[in-house]
């Protein structure tokens, strides 16, 4: 996770290429639901946003806890695409 905060980077994973942006959380009071653990990411908390790296992929942006993002492929059969 070495990119500067707020700067997009592209990550290659077995499930495809993803754009990833680290957020400090300080710019939003809004809460999000992490697709990895289904728990709330409270407003103001650092987290990341990812979306598929293809045209129109930004429509599929999701907010993640960083640990959930790193472990998302470990969930096994039936796991979420996100």
PDB file of N, CA and C in Angstrom:
ATOM      1  N   UNK A   1       0.826  -1.179   0.000  1.00  0.00           N
ATOM      2  CA  UNK A   1       0.000   0.000   0.000  1.00  0.00           C
ATOM      3  C   UNK A   1       0.874   1.248   0.000  1.00  0.00           C
ATOM      4  N   UNK A   2       1.845   1.288  -0.901  1.00  0.00           N
ATOM      5  CA  UNK A   2       2.810   2.358  -0.875  1.00  0.00           C
ATOM      6  C   UNK A   2       2.452   3.610  -1.639  1.00  0.00           C
ATOM      7  N   UNK A   3       1.294   3.673  -2.272  1.00  0.00           N
ATOM      8  CA  UNK A   3       0.915   4.870  -3.023  1.00  0.00           C
ATOM      9  C   UNK A   3       0.559   6.016  -2.090  1.00  0.00           C
ATOM     10  N   UNK A   4       0.822   7.244  -2.517  1.00  0.00           N
ATOM     11  CA  UNK A   4       0.356   8.385  -1.717  1.00  0.00           C
ATOM     12  C   UNK A   4      -1.165   8.357  -1.589  1.00  0.00           C
ATOM     13  N   UNK A   5      -1.673   8.821  -0.488  1.00  0.00           N
ATOM     14  CA  UNK A   5      -3.121   8.814  -0.275  1.00  0.00           C
ATOM     15  C   UNK A   5      -3.820   9.695  -1.304  1.00  0.00           C
ATOM     16  N   UNK A   6      -4.951   9.212  -1.787  1.00  0.00           N
ATOM     17  CA  UNK A   6      -5.725   9.964  -2.753  1.00  0.00           C
ATOM     18  C   UNK A   6      -5.251   9.806  -4.188  1.00  0.00           C
ATOM     19  N   UNK A   7      -4.195   9.005  -4.416  1.00  0.00           N
ATOM     20  CA  UNK A   7      -3.667   8.789  -5.758  1.00  0.00           C
ATOM     21  C   UNK A   7      -4.034   7.377  -6.199  1.00  0.00           C
ATOM     22  N   UNK A   8      -4.583   7.253  -7.411  1.00  0.00           N
ATOM     23  CA  UNK A   8      -4.954   5.942  -7.926  1.00  0.00           C
ATOM     24  C   UNK A   8      -3.708   5.157  -8.317  1.00  0.00           C
ATOM     25  N   UNK A   9      -3.784   3.865  -8.084  1.00  0.00           N
ATOM     26  CA  UNK A   9      -2.751   2.962  -8.597  1.00  0.00           C
ATOM     27  C   UNK A   9      -3.474   1.757  -9.169  1.00  0.00           C
ATOM     28  N   UNK A  10      -2.820   1.016 -10.019  1.00  0.00           N
ATOM     29  CA  UNK A  10      -3.409  -0.180 -10.602  1.00  0.00           C
ATOM     30  C   UNK A  10      -2.755  -1.390  -9.945  1.00  0.00           C
ATOM     31  N   UNK A  11      -3.593  -2.309  -9.486  1.00  0.00           N
ATOM     32  CA  UNK A  11      -3.124  -3.558  -8.886  1.00  0.00           C
ATOM     33  C   UNK A  11      -3.606  -4.717  -9.744  1.00  0.00           C
ATOM     34  N   UNK A  12      -2.718  -5.677  -9.984  1.00  0.00           N
ATOM     35  CA  UNK A  12      -3.090  -6.885 -10.720  1.00  0.00           C
ATOM     36  C   UNK A  12      -3.301  -8.012  -9.721  1.00  0.00           C
ATOM     37  N   UNK A  13      -4.477  -8.638  -9.801  1.00  0.00           N
ATOM     38  CA  UNK A  13      -4.858  -9.737  -8.924  1.00  0.00           C
ATOM     39  C   UNK A  13      -5.377 -10.883  -9.790  1.00  0.00           C
ATOM     40  N   UNK A  14      -5.489 -12.088  -9.234  1.00  0.00           N
ATOM     41  CA  UNK A  14      -6.050 -13.192 -10.019  1.00  0.00           C
ATOM     42  C   UNK A  14      -7.454 -12.895 -10.541  1.00  0.00           C
ATOM     43  N   UNK A  15      -8.187 -12.013  -9.865  1.00  0.00           N
ATOM     44  CA  UNK A  15      -9.547 -11.680 -10.327  1.00  0.00           C
ATOM     45  C   UNK A  15      -9.564 -10.450 -11.234  1.00  0.00           C
ATOM     46  N   UNK A  16      -8.402 -10.014 -11.717  1.00  0.00           N
ATOM     47  CA  UNK A  16      -8.357  -8.923 -12.685  1.00  0.00           C
ATOM     48  C   UNK A  16      -7.506  -7.756 -12.239  1.00  0.00           C
ATOM     49  N   UNK A  17      -7.569  -6.719 -13.028  1.00  0.00           N
ATOM     50  CA  UNK A  17      -6.843  -5.482 -12.755  1.00  0.00           C
ATOM     51  C   UNK A  17      -7.781  -4.506 -12.069  1.00  0.00           C
ATOM     52  N   UNK A  18      -7.310  -3.892 -10.991  1.00  0.00           N
ATOM     53  CA  UNK A  18      -8.134  -2.994 -10.185  1.00  0.00           C
ATOM     54  C   UNK A  18      -7.436  -1.661  -9.993  1.00  0.00           C
ATOM     55  N   UNK A  19      -8.192  -0.592 -10.043  1.00  0.00           N
ATOM     56  CA  UNK A  19      -7.691   0.702  -9.602  1.00  0.00           C
ATOM     57  C   UNK A  19      -8.002   0.803  -8.117  1.00  0.00           C
ATOM     58  N   UNK A  20      -7.048   1.306  -7.372  1.00  0.00           N
ATOM     59  CA  UNK A  20      -7.177   1.385  -5.920  1.00  0.00           C
ATOM     60  C   UNK A  20      -6.735   2.772  -5.470  1.00  0.00           C
ATOM     61  N   UNK A  21      -7.497   3.348  -4.565  1.00  0.00           N
ATOM     62  CA  UNK A  21      -7.178   4.660  -4.005  1.00  0.00           C
ATOM     63  C   UNK A  21      -7.308   4.586  -2.483  1.00  0.00           C
ATOM     64  N   UNK A  22      -6.247   4.938  -1.789  1.00  0.00           N
ATOM     65  CA  UNK A  22      -6.287   5.029  -0.334  1.00  0.00           C
ATOM     66  C   UNK A  22      -6.901   6.367   0.051  1.00  0.00           C
ATOM     67  N   UNK A  23      -7.777   6.357   1.041  1.00  0.00           N
ATOM     68  CA  UNK A  23      -8.425   7.576   1.519  1.00  0.00           C
ATOM     69  C   UNK A  23      -8.131   7.757   3.003  1.00  0.00           C
ATOM     70  N   UNK A  24      -7.882   8.983   3.393  1.00  0.00           N
ATOM     71  CA  UNK A  24      -7.604   9.258   4.803  1.00  0.00           C
ATOM     72  C   UNK A  24      -8.876   9.208   5.631  1.00  0.00           C
ATOM     73  N   UNK A  25     -10.012   9.410   4.971  1.00  0.00           N
ATOM     74  CA  UNK A  25     -11.286   9.422   5.677  1.00  0.00           C
ATOM     75  C   UNK A  25     -11.663  10.805   6.176  1.00  0.00           C
ATOM     76  N   UNK A  26     -10.708  11.692   6.250  1.00  0.00           N
ATOM     77  CA  UNK A  26     -10.971  13.024   6.768  1.00  0.00           C
ATOM     78  C   UNK A  26     -11.854  13.881   5.875  1.00  0.00           C
ATOM     79  N   UNK A  27     -12.003  13.484   4.617  1.00  0.00           N
ATOM     80  CA  UNK A  27     -12.768  14.303   3.687  1.00  0.00           C
ATOM     81  C   UNK A  27     -14.248  13.941   3.645  1.00  0.00           C
ATOM     82  N   UNK A  28     -14.663  12.915   4.395  1.00  0.00           N
ATOM     83  CA  UNK A  28     -16.063  12.497   4.332  1.00  0.00           C
ATOM     84  C   UNK A  28     -16.574  12.072   5.697  1.00  0.00           C
ATOM     85  N   UNK A  29     -17.771  12.483   5.989  1.00  0.00           N
ATOM     86  CA  UNK A  29     -18.421  12.045   7.225  1.00  0.00           C
ATOM     87  C   UNK A  29     -19.348  10.867   6.939  1.00  0.00           C
ATOM     88  N   UNK A  30     -19.462  10.490   5.665  1.00  0.00           N
ATOM     89  CA  UNK A  30     -20.350   9.418   5.254  1.00  0.00           C
ATOM     90  C   UNK A  30     -19.784   8.060   5.659  1.00  0.00           C
ATOM     91  N   UNK A  31     -20.668   7.136   6.006  1.00  0.00           N
ATOM     92  CA  UNK A  31     -20.258   5.769   6.311  1.00  0.00           C
ATOM     93  C   UNK A  31     -20.523   4.880   5.106  1.00  0.00           C
ATOM     94  N   UNK A  32     -19.747   3.803   4.992  1.00  0.00           N
ATOM     95  CA  UNK A  32     -19.869   2.847   3.892  1.00  0.00           C
ATOM     96  C   UNK A  32     -19.911   1.439   4.468  1.00  0.00           C
ATOM     97  N   UNK A  33     -20.397   0.500   3.693  1.00  0.00           N
ATOM     98  CA  UNK A  33     -20.434  -0.905   4.096  1.00  0.00           C
ATOM     99  C   UNK A  33     -19.343  -1.639   3.318  1.00  0.00           C
ATOM    100  N   UNK A  34     -18.404  -2.253   4.018  1.00  0.00           N
ATOM    101  CA  UNK A  34     -17.309  -2.998   3.401  1.00  0.00           C
ATOM    102  C   UNK A  34     -17.865  -4.295   2.804  1.00  0.00           C
ATOM    103  N   UNK A  35     -17.629  -4.556   1.511  1.00  0.00           N
ATOM    104  CA  UNK A  35     -18.131  -5.788   0.913  1.00  0.00           C
ATOM    105  C   UNK A  35     -17.376  -7.029   1.383  1.00  0.00           C
ATOM    106  N   UNK A  36     -16.218  -6.840   2.000  1.00  0.00           N
ATOM    107  CA  UNK A  36     -15.428  -7.979   2.465  1.00  0.00           C
ATOM    108  C   UNK A  36     -15.929  -8.571   3.758  1.00  0.00           C
ATOM    109  N   UNK A  37     -16.307  -7.720   4.704  1.00  0.00           N
ATOM    110  CA  UNK A  37     -16.724  -8.205   6.027  1.00  0.00           C
ATOM    111  C   UNK A  37     -18.162  -7.831   6.354  1.00  0.00           C
ATOM    112  N   UNK A  38     -18.779  -7.036   5.491  1.00  0.00           N
ATOM    113  CA  UNK A  38     -20.145  -6.560   5.666  1.00  0.00           C
ATOM    114  C   UNK A  38     -20.303  -5.702   6.923  1.00  0.00           C
ATOM    115  N   UNK A  39     -19.205  -5.118   7.393  1.00  0.00           N
ATOM    116  CA  UNK A  39     -19.249  -4.217   8.540  1.00  0.00           C
ATOM    117  C   UNK A  39     -19.144  -2.777   8.041  1.00  0.00           C
ATOM    118  N   UNK A  40     -19.573  -1.863   8.860  1.00  0.00           N
ATOM    119  CA  UNK A  40     -19.566  -0.457   8.492  1.00  0.00           C
ATOM    120  C   UNK A  40     -18.162   0.133   8.582  1.00  0.00           C
ATOM    121  N   UNK A  41     -17.837   0.969   7.603  1.00  0.00           N
ATOM    122  CA  UNK A  41     -16.642   1.808   7.654  1.00  0.00           C
ATOM    123  C   UNK A  41     -17.160   3.175   8.069  1.00  0.00           C
ATOM    124  N   UNK A  42     -16.917   3.554   9.289  1.00  0.00           N
ATOM    125  CA  UNK A  42     -17.457   4.800   9.827  1.00  0.00           C
ATOM    126  C   UNK A  42     -16.832   6.011   9.156  1.00  0.00           C
ATOM    127  N   UNK A  43     -17.617   7.047   8.978  1.00  0.00           N
ATOM    128  CA  UNK A  43     -17.131   8.289   8.397  1.00  0.00           C
ATOM    129  C   UNK A  43     -15.902   8.784   9.129  1.00  0.00           C
ATOM    130  N   UNK A  44     -14.962   9.322   8.378  1.00  0.00           N
ATOM    131  CA  UNK A  44     -13.739   9.849   8.971  1.00  0.00           C
ATOM    132  C   UNK A  44     -12.655   8.813   9.191  1.00  0.00           C
ATOM    133  N   UNK A  45     -12.917   7.532   8.872  1.00  0.00           N
ATOM    134  CA  UNK A  45     -11.920   6.472   9.070  1.00  0.00           C
ATOM    135  C   UNK A  45     -11.151   6.222   7.779  1.00  0.00           C
ATOM    136  N   UNK A  46      -9.840   5.993   7.874  1.00  0.00           N
ATOM    137  CA  UNK A  46      -9.075   5.641   6.671  1.00  0.00           C
ATOM    138  C   UNK A  46      -9.588   4.331   6.075  1.00  0.00           C
ATOM    139  N   UNK A  47      -9.629   4.269   4.765  1.00  0.00           N
ATOM    140  CA  UNK A  47     -10.045   3.053   4.061  1.00  0.00           C
ATOM    141  C   UNK A  47      -9.605   3.190   2.608  1.00  0.00           C
ATOM    142  N   UNK A  48      -9.983   2.250   1.769  1.00  0.00           N
ATOM    143  CA  UNK A  48      -9.637   2.355   0.360  1.00  0.00           C
ATOM    144  C   UNK A  48     -10.868   2.169  -0.502  1.00  0.00           C
ATOM    145  N   UNK A  49     -10.750   2.641  -1.724  1.00  0.00           N
ATOM    146  CA  UNK A  49     -11.799   2.483  -2.725  1.00  0.00           C
ATOM    147  C   UNK A  49     -11.167   1.730  -3.883  1.00  0.00           C
ATOM    148  N   UNK A  50     -11.890   0.751  -4.421  1.00  0.00           N
ATOM    149  CA  UNK A  50     -11.387   0.018  -5.579  1.00  0.00           C
ATOM    150  C   UNK A  50     -12.481  -0.105  -6.621  1.00  0.00           C
ATOM    151  N   UNK A  51     -12.057  -0.271  -7.873  1.00  0.00           N
ATOM    152  CA  UNK A  51     -12.985  -0.493  -8.974  1.00  0.00           C
ATOM    153  C   UNK A  51     -12.223  -1.170 -10.100  1.00  0.00           C
ATOM    154  N   UNK A  52     -12.930  -1.949 -10.924  1.00  0.00           N
ATOM    155  CA  UNK A  52     -12.269  -2.646 -12.030  1.00  0.00           C
ATOM    156  C   UNK A  52     -11.619  -1.662 -12.992  1.00  0.00           C
ATOM    157  N   UNK A  53     -10.455  -2.031 -13.496  1.00  0.00           N
ATOM    158  CA  UNK A  53      -9.709  -1.172 -14.407  1.00  0.00           C
ATOM    159  C   UNK A  53     -10.124  -1.468 -15.850  1.00  0.00           C
ATOM    160  N   UNK A  54     -11.342  -1.117 -16.180  1.00  0.00           N
ATOM    161  CA  UNK A  54     -11.827  -1.187 -17.555  1.00  0.00           C
ATOM    162  C   UNK A  54     -12.777  -0.026 -17.773  1.00  0.00           C
ATOM    163  N   UNK A  55     -13.059   0.314 -19.020  1.00  0.00           N
ATOM    164  CA  UNK A  55     -13.980   1.431 -19.274  1.00  0.00           C
ATOM    165  C   UNK A  55     -15.322   1.191 -18.577  1.00  0.00           C
ATOM    166  N   UNK A  56     -15.764   2.152 -17.835  1.00  0.00           N
ATOM    167  CA  UNK A  56     -17.015   2.034 -17.096  1.00  0.00           C
ATOM    168  C   UNK A  56     -16.870   1.350 -15.746  1.00  0.00           C
ATOM    169  N   UNK A  57     -15.672   0.871 -15.427  1.00  0.00           N
ATOM    170  CA  UNK A  57     -15.448   0.175 -14.159  1.00  0.00           C
ATOM    171  C   UNK A  57     -15.655   1.051 -12.946  1.00  0.00           C
ATOM    172  N   UNK A  58     -15.522   2.366 -13.124  1.00  0.00           N
ATOM    173  CA  UNK A  58     -15.703   3.266 -11.988  1.00  0.00           C
ATOM    174  C   UNK A  58     -17.140   3.249 -11.472  1.00  0.00           C
ATOM    175  N   UNK A  59     -18.061   2.705 -12.259  1.00  0.00           N
ATOM    176  CA  UNK A  59     -19.451   2.545 -11.798  1.00  0.00           C
ATOM    177  C   UNK A  59     -19.547   1.485 -10.704  1.00  0.00           C
ATOM    178  N   UNK A  60     -18.490   0.671 -10.560  1.00  0.00           N
ATOM    179  CA  UNK A  60     -18.492  -0.428  -9.599  1.00  0.00           C
ATOM    180  C   UNK A  60     -17.572  -0.153  -8.410  1.00  0.00           C
ATOM    181  N   UNK A  61     -17.335   1.105  -8.119  1.00  0.00           N
ATOM    182  CA  UNK A  61     -16.484   1.465  -6.972  1.00  0.00           C
ATOM    183  C   UNK A  61     -17.053   0.901  -5.679  1.00  0.00           C
ATOM    184  N   UNK A  62     -16.161   0.393  -4.848  1.00  0.00           N
ATOM    185  CA  UNK A  62     -16.527  -0.121  -3.536  1.00  0.00           C
ATOM    186  C   UNK A  62     -15.515   0.369  -2.515  1.00  0.00           C
ATOM    187  N   UNK A  63     -15.998   0.636  -1.314  1.00  0.00           N
ATOM    188  CA  UNK A  63     -15.158   1.090  -0.200  1.00  0.00           C
ATOM    189  C   UNK A  63     -14.844  -0.119   0.678  1.00  0.00           C
ATOM    190  N   UNK A  64     -13.568  -0.300   0.993  1.00  0.00           N
ATOM    191  CA  UNK A  64     -13.087  -1.476   1.715  1.00  0.00           C
ATOM    192  C   UNK A  64     -12.247  -1.085   2.932  1.00  0.00           C
ATOM    193  N   UNK A  65     -12.262  -1.935   3.953  1.00  0.00           N
ATOM    194  CA  UNK A  65     -11.208  -1.892   4.969  1.00  0.00           C
ATOM    195  C   UNK A  65      -9.954  -2.418   4.263  1.00  0.00           C
ATOM    196  N   UNK A  66      -8.781  -1.840   4.492  1.00  0.00           N
ATOM    197  CA  UNK A  66      -7.575  -2.329   3.805  1.00  0.00           C
ATOM    198  C   UNK A  66      -7.311  -3.822   4.029  1.00  0.00           C
ATOM    199  N   UNK A  67      -7.501  -4.325   5.233  1.00  0.00           N
ATOM    200  CA  UNK A  67      -7.262  -5.755   5.492  1.00  0.00           C
ATOM    201  C   UNK A  67      -8.256  -6.627   4.728  1.00  0.00           C
ATOM    202  N   UNK A  68      -9.493  -6.198   4.621  1.00  0.00           N
ATOM    203  CA  UNK A  68     -10.505  -6.963   3.875  1.00  0.00           C
ATOM    204  C   UNK A  68     -10.154  -7.009   2.393  1.00  0.00           C
ATOM    205  N   UNK A  69      -9.670  -5.904   1.853  1.00  0.00           N
ATOM    206  CA  UNK A  69      -9.264  -5.864   0.451  1.00  0.00           C
ATOM    207  C   UNK A  69      -8.135  -6.866   0.196  1.00  0.00           C
ATOM    208  N   UNK A  70      -7.127  -6.877   1.060  1.00  0.00           N
ATOM    209  CA  UNK A  70      -5.984  -7.775   0.871  1.00  0.00           C
ATOM    210  C   UNK A  70      -6.385  -9.238   0.986  1.00  0.00           C
ATOM    211  N   UNK A  71      -7.404  -9.538   1.787  1.00  0.00           N
ATOM    212  CA  UNK A  71      -7.791 -10.932   2.038  1.00  0.00           C
ATOM    213  C   UNK A  71      -9.021 -11.376   1.255  1.00  0.00           C
ATOM    214  N   UNK A  72      -9.519 -10.556   0.341  1.00  0.00           N
ATOM    215  CA  UNK A  72     -10.790 -10.867  -0.303  1.00  0.00           C
ATOM    216  C   UNK A  72     -10.777 -12.152  -1.110  1.00  0.00           C
ATOM    217  N   UNK A  73      -9.644 -12.556  -1.648  1.00  0.00           N
ATOM    218  CA  UNK A  73      -9.588 -13.781  -2.443  1.00  0.00           C
ATOM    219  C   UNK A  73      -9.499 -15.035  -1.587  1.00  0.00           C
ATOM    220  N   UNK A  74      -9.314 -14.879  -0.290  1.00  0.00           N
ATOM    221  CA  UNK A  74      -9.207 -16.027   0.625  1.00  0.00           C
ATOM    222  C   UNK A  74     -10.560 -16.588   1.041  1.00  0.00           C
ATOM    223  N   UNK A  75     -11.637 -15.957   0.614  1.00  0.00           N
ATOM    224  CA  UNK A  75     -12.972 -16.351   1.085  1.00  0.00           C
ATOM    225  C   UNK A  75     -13.474 -17.654   0.505  1.00  0.00           C
ATOM    226  N   UNK A  76     -12.941 -18.111  -0.620  1.00  0.00           N
ATOM    227  CA  UNK A  76     -13.329 -19.387  -1.195  1.00  0.00           C
ATOM    228  C   UNK A  76     -14.587 -19.309  -2.048  1.00  0.00           C
ATOM    229  N   UNK A  77     -15.177 -20.475  -2.338  1.00  0.00           N
ATOM    230  CA  UNK A  77     -16.352 -20.526  -3.230  1.00  0.00           C
ATOM    231  C   UNK A  77     -17.487 -19.653  -2.725  1.00  0.00           C
ATOM    232  N   UNK A  78     -18.168 -19.038  -3.677  1.00  0.00           N
ATOM    233  CA  UNK A  78     -19.302 -18.201  -3.327  1.00  0.00           C
ATOM    234  C   UNK A  78     -18.931 -16.802  -2.894  1.00  0.00           C
ATOM    235  N   UNK A  79     -17.648 -16.486  -2.943  1.00  0.00           N
ATOM    236  CA  UNK A  79     -17.212 -15.161  -2.507  1.00  0.00           C
ATOM    237  C   UNK A  79     -17.766 -14.093  -3.428  1.00  0.00           C
ATOM    238  N   UNK A  80     -17.866 -12.918  -2.893  1.00  0.00           N
ATOM    239  CA  UNK A  80     -18.328 -11.769  -3.673  1.00  0.00           C
ATOM    240  C   UNK A  80     -17.328 -11.470  -4.781  1.00  0.00           C
ATOM    241  N   UNK A  81     -17.804 -10.936  -5.884  1.00  0.00           N
ATOM    242  CA  UNK A  81     -16.918 -10.506  -6.964  1.00  0.00           C
ATOM    243  C   UNK A  81     -16.080  -9.319  -6.519  1.00  0.00           C
ATOM    244  N   UNK A  82     -16.573  -8.580  -5.561  1.00  0.00           N
ATOM    245  CA  UNK A  82     -15.881  -7.381  -5.092  1.00  0.00           C
ATOM    246  C   UNK A  82     -14.996  -7.770  -3.971  1.00  0.00           C
TER     247      UNK A  82
END
